[in-house]
Every structure is written in C-alpha cells, then in structure tokens.
Amino acid sequence: MKGKIYLYLFLFSILLNVFQYVNSKSIIDKYENDIKKFKSKIEALELSKPEAPIKKYKKAAAELSTEEAAL
C-alpha cells in the first residue's frame, strides 16, 4: 500500500512538472513574439521620423556635455 502511494505521488509530480513546463514555454513564446512585434514597430518609427531634429538634439547634447566638462 505504501509503495502505491509513492508511485501515485511520483506520477502526480511528473504530471505537474510537465504542465508547468508547457505553460511556461507558451508564456515565453508569447513574450518573444511581443518583443519581435515591438522591435519592428520601433524600427518603423525610427525610419519614419525626420533626421533634422535628431541633429539638433545631438548638437544640444554636445554643448551640454562640454559645459559639464568645464565645471
């Protein structure tokens, strides 16, 4: 009787581990798909924005860094 209880507990633990693995695998796959989707959106937005403001911001950042270096 004691051996059967251990066998059932062992089988239950195996089933529980398989369930957790499959569940976590599906969650990880979903997150990877979301990351790919957002990366493609970011690339599309970066390609669509004009370059002139970026140069202005880079120039302002360079001026701030030289002012901070002087302090």
C-alpha atoms as a PDB file:
ATOM      1  CA  MET A   1       0.000   0.000   0.000  1.00  0.00           C
ATOM      2  CA  LYS A   2       2.815   2.368   0.908  1.00  0.00           C
ATOM      3  CA  GLY A   3       4.533   1.655  -2.431  1.00  0.00           C
ATOM      4  CA  LYS A   4       1.399   2.552  -4.392  1.00  0.00           C
ATOM      5  CA  ILE A   5       1.108   5.897  -2.607  1.00  0.00           C
ATOM      6  CA  TYR A   6       4.701   6.736  -3.524  1.00  0.00           C
ATOM      7  CA  LEU A   7       4.036   5.665  -7.113  1.00  0.00           C
ATOM      8  CA  TYR A   8       0.961   7.904  -7.354  1.00  0.00           C
ATOM      9  CA  LEU A   9       2.815  10.818  -5.791  1.00  0.00           C
ATOM     10  CA  PHE A  10       5.681  10.313  -8.234  1.00  0.00           C
ATOM     11  CA  LEU A  11       3.307  10.226 -11.216  1.00  0.00           C
ATOM     12  CA  PHE A  12       1.467  13.294  -9.950  1.00  0.00           C
ATOM     13  CA  SER A  13       4.735  15.196  -9.568  1.00  0.00           C
ATOM     14  CA  ILE A  14       5.751  14.244 -13.118  1.00  0.00           C
ATOM     15  CA  LEU A  15       2.416  15.455 -14.488  1.00  0.00           C
ATOM     16  CA  LEU A  16       2.720  18.679 -12.518  1.00  0.00           C
ATOM     17  CA  ASN A  17       6.221  19.301 -13.877  1.00  0.00           C
ATOM     18  CA  VAL A  18       5.087  18.665 -17.457  1.00  0.00           C
ATOM     19  CA  PHE A  19       2.192  21.091 -17.012  1.00  0.00           C
ATOM     20  CA  GLN A  20       4.497  23.787 -15.619  1.00  0.00           C
ATOM     21  CA  TYR A  21       6.979  23.303 -18.458  1.00  0.00           C
ATOM     22  CA  VAL A  22       4.326  23.563 -21.185  1.00  0.00           C
ATOM     23  CA  ASN A  23       2.698  26.554 -19.527  1.00  0.00           C
ATOM     24  CA  SER A  24       5.968  28.457 -19.099  1.00  0.00           C
ATOM     25  CA  LYS A  25       7.032  27.585 -22.656  1.00  0.00           C
ATOM     26  CA  SER A  26       3.869  29.113 -24.079  1.00  0.00           C
ATOM     27  CA  ILE A  27       4.311  32.244 -21.971  1.00  0.00           C
ATOM     28  CA  ILE A  28       7.927  32.645 -23.085  1.00  0.00           C
ATOM     29  CA  ASP A  29       6.942  32.170 -26.734  1.00  0.00           C
ATOM     30  CA  LYS A  30       4.237  34.823 -26.375  1.00  0.00           C
ATOM     31  CA  TYR A  31       6.719  37.286 -24.858  1.00  0.00           C
ATOM     32  CA  GLU A  32       9.234  36.614 -27.633  1.00  0.00           C
ATOM     33  CA  ASN A  33       6.566  37.315 -30.251  1.00  0.00           C
ATOM     34  CA  ASP A  34       5.610  40.536 -28.462  1.00  0.00           C
ATOM     35  CA  ILE A  35       9.252  41.617 -28.338  1.00  0.00           C
ATOM     36  CA  LYS A  36       9.678  40.984 -32.076  1.00  0.00           C
ATOM     37  CA  LYS A  37       6.487  42.917 -32.819  1.00  0.00           C
ATOM     38  CA  PHE A  38       7.571  45.908 -30.726  1.00  0.00           C
ATOM     39  CA  LYS A  39      11.079  45.893 -32.201  1.00  0.00           C
ATOM     40  CA  SER A  40       9.624  46.052 -35.700  1.00  0.00           C
ATOM     41  CA  LYS A  41       7.363  48.930 -34.639  1.00  0.00           C
ATOM     42  CA  ILE A  42      10.342  50.783 -33.162  1.00  0.00           C
ATOM     43  CA  GLU A  43      12.348  50.302 -36.355  1.00  0.00           C
ATOM     44  CA  ALA A  44       9.431  51.549 -38.451  1.00  0.00           C
ATOM     45  CA  LEU A  45       9.044  54.631 -36.267  1.00  0.00           C
ATOM     46  CA  GLU A  46      12.763  55.355 -36.345  1.00  0.00           C
ATOM     47  CA  LEU A  47      12.768  55.154 -40.132  1.00  0.00           C
ATOM     48  CA  SER A  48       9.728  57.398 -40.468  1.00  0.00           C
ATOM     49  CA  LYS A  49      10.876  60.255 -38.242  1.00  0.00           C
ATOM     50  CA  PRO A  50      12.806  63.164 -39.787  1.00  0.00           C
ATOM     51  CA  GLU A  51      16.533  63.429 -39.191  1.00  0.00           C
ATOM     52  CA  ALA A  52      16.741  67.222 -38.694  1.00  0.00           C
ATOM     53  CA  PRO A  53      15.514  67.283 -35.055  1.00  0.00           C
ATOM     54  CA  ILE A  54      17.906  64.483 -34.186  1.00  0.00           C
ATOM     55  CA  LYS A  55      20.866  66.556 -35.342  1.00  0.00           C
ATOM     56  CA  LYS A  56      19.583  69.486 -33.294  1.00  0.00           C
ATOM     57  CA  TYR A  57      19.304  67.328 -30.185  1.00  0.00           C
ATOM     58  CA  LYS A  58      22.753  65.842 -30.737  1.00  0.00           C
ATOM     59  CA  LYS A  59      24.193  69.346 -31.055  1.00  0.00           C
ATOM     60  CA  ALA A  60      22.454  70.447 -27.839  1.00  0.00           C
ATOM     61  CA  ALA A  61      23.687  67.338 -26.044  1.00  0.00           C
ATOM     62  CA  ALA A  62      27.244  68.012 -27.206  1.00  0.00           C
ATOM     63  CA  GLU A  63      27.024  71.588 -25.923  1.00  0.00           C
ATOM     64  CA  LEU A  64      25.741  70.391 -22.546  1.00  0.00           C
ATOM     65  CA  SER A  65      28.498  67.826 -22.238  1.00  0.00           C
ATOM     66  CA  THR A  66      31.181  70.482 -22.921  1.00  0.00           C
ATOM     67  CA  GLU A  67      29.585  72.760 -20.323  1.00  0.00           C
ATOM     68  CA  GLU A  68      29.556  69.942 -17.754  1.00  0.00           C
ATOM     69  CA  ALA A  69      33.176  69.127 -18.550  1.00  0.00           C
ATOM     70  CA  ALA A  70      34.115  72.765 -17.917  1.00  0.00           C
ATOM     71  CA  LEU A  71      32.568  72.603 -14.445  1.00  0.00           C
END
